[in-house]
Amino acid sequence: MAPHTQIVPAIVSGAISPASLRNPLTRLRRAPRDQQRFAVALQVLWPGYRRAPVHLAFGSPLSGAALLRSGTSAAAITRTVASAARVLLQHASGYVGES
């Protein structure tokens, strides 16, 4: 990784319509993850489900030099970026995931 590289953690929430998640057809799937996937399919198929407000939250940029100080392996860099994303989730909890 180049030392001048900038990585900006970003969190997207609200992309799945709450109305599509409440659709009775989603309950045909037992696992919550499968229900969510089905809700996404409904949202793609029916335009009325596409009006969900999407929220974006951006964290502070992480420089390539700082990431390399945490370790040069892909796993070490991934851990550092994931940690920054978790902090972003905590700070943005007032609106992330709410519709």
Protein backbone atom coordinates (compact mmCIF):
# COMPACT_ATOMS: atom_id res chain seq x y z
CA MET A 1 0.00 0.00 0.00
CA ALA A 2 1.27 3.44 -0.91
CA PRO A 3 1.83 5.69 2.14
CA HIS A 4 -0.25 8.49 0.56
CA THR A 5 -3.28 6.25 0.10
CA GLN A 6 -6.39 7.44 1.95
CA ILE A 7 -9.05 4.98 3.14
CA VAL A 8 -12.35 6.51 4.26
CA PRO A 9 -14.55 4.21 6.37
CA ALA A 10 -18.19 4.48 5.32
CA ILE A 11 -21.38 2.96 6.72
CA VAL A 12 -24.59 2.67 4.68
CA SER A 13 -27.90 2.04 6.42
CA GLY A 14 -31.54 2.06 5.50
CA ALA A 15 -30.97 0.63 2.04
CA ILE A 16 -33.54 -2.10 2.66
CA SER A 17 -37.07 -0.78 2.83
CA PRO A 18 -38.76 -1.43 6.21
CA ALA A 19 -42.01 -1.99 4.29
CA SER A 20 -40.44 -4.77 2.23
CA LEU A 21 -39.13 -6.37 5.44
CA ARG A 22 -42.67 -6.32 6.88
CA ASN A 23 -44.22 -7.94 3.81
CA PRO A 24 -45.85 -11.26 4.83
CA LEU A 25 -44.09 -13.04 1.96
CA THR A 26 -40.74 -12.57 3.73
CA ARG A 27 -41.96 -14.92 6.45
CA LEU A 28 -41.88 -17.76 3.94
CA ARG A 29 -38.19 -17.85 4.82
CA ARG A 30 -37.24 -18.95 8.32
CA ALA A 31 -33.76 -17.52 8.78
CA PRO A 32 -33.62 -13.73 9.31
CA ARG A 33 -30.84 -13.43 6.72
CA ASP A 34 -33.03 -15.22 4.15
CA GLN A 35 -35.97 -12.97 5.04
CA GLN A 36 -33.74 -9.97 4.43
CA ARG A 37 -32.64 -11.32 1.05
CA PHE A 38 -36.26 -11.91 0.08
CA ALA A 39 -37.13 -8.35 1.14
CA VAL A 40 -34.34 -7.06 -1.10
CA ALA A 41 -35.78 -9.03 -4.02
CA LEU A 42 -39.22 -7.53 -3.33
CA GLN A 43 -37.68 -4.07 -3.25
CA VAL A 44 -36.08 -4.63 -6.65
CA LEU A 45 -39.32 -5.96 -8.15
CA TRP A 46 -41.80 -3.39 -6.79
CA PRO A 47 -41.03 0.33 -7.20
CA GLY A 48 -43.15 1.26 -4.16
CA TYR A 49 -40.54 -0.34 -1.90
CA ARG A 50 -37.72 1.81 -3.33
CA ARG A 51 -38.53 4.94 -1.34
CA ALA A 52 -36.54 3.99 1.76
CA PRO A 53 -34.35 6.82 3.10
CA VAL A 54 -30.73 5.76 2.86
CA HIS A 55 -28.20 7.14 5.34
CA LEU A 56 -24.47 7.45 4.75
CA ALA A 57 -21.92 8.06 7.47
CA PHE A 58 -18.24 8.71 6.77
CA GLY A 59 -15.38 8.39 9.20
CA SER A 60 -12.08 10.18 9.30
CA PRO A 61 -9.65 9.23 6.53
CA LEU A 62 -7.00 6.67 7.41
CA SER A 63 -3.66 7.28 5.72
CA GLY A 64 -1.76 4.45 4.12
CA ALA A 65 1.22 5.30 6.33
CA ALA A 66 -0.88 4.91 9.50
CA LEU A 67 -2.34 1.65 8.25
CA LEU A 68 1.12 0.30 7.49
CA ARG A 69 2.20 1.14 11.05
CA SER A 70 -0.51 -1.25 12.29
CA GLY A 71 1.05 -4.04 10.22
CA THR A 72 1.81 -4.73 6.60
CA SER A 73 -0.36 -7.80 6.20
CA ALA A 74 -3.79 -7.55 4.63
CA ALA A 75 -5.29 -8.98 7.83
CA ALA A 76 -3.70 -6.27 10.00
CA ILE A 77 -4.87 -3.49 7.68
CA THR A 78 -8.37 -5.00 7.53
CA ARG A 79 -8.53 -5.13 11.34
CA THR A 80 -7.59 -1.44 11.58
CA VAL A 81 -10.19 -0.38 8.99
CA ALA A 82 -12.85 -2.59 10.63
CA SER A 83 -12.06 -1.03 14.00
CA ALA A 84 -12.56 2.46 12.53
CA ALA A 85 -15.88 1.31 11.04
CA ARG A 86 -17.02 0.00 14.45
CA VAL A 87 -16.23 3.37 16.03
CA LEU A 88 -18.19 5.05 13.24
CA LEU A 89 -21.16 2.76 13.94
CA GLN A 90 -21.09 3.69 17.62
CA HIS A 91 -21.01 7.43 16.90
CA ALA A 92 -23.67 7.21 14.21
CA SER A 93 -26.00 4.96 16.20
CA GLY A 94 -28.51 7.79 16.54
CA TYR A 95 -29.52 7.41 12.92
CA VAL A 96 -27.83 4.36 11.42
CA GLY A 97 -30.42 1.67 10.91
CA GLU A 98 -33.40 3.91 11.63
CA SER A 99 -35.92 4.76 8.98
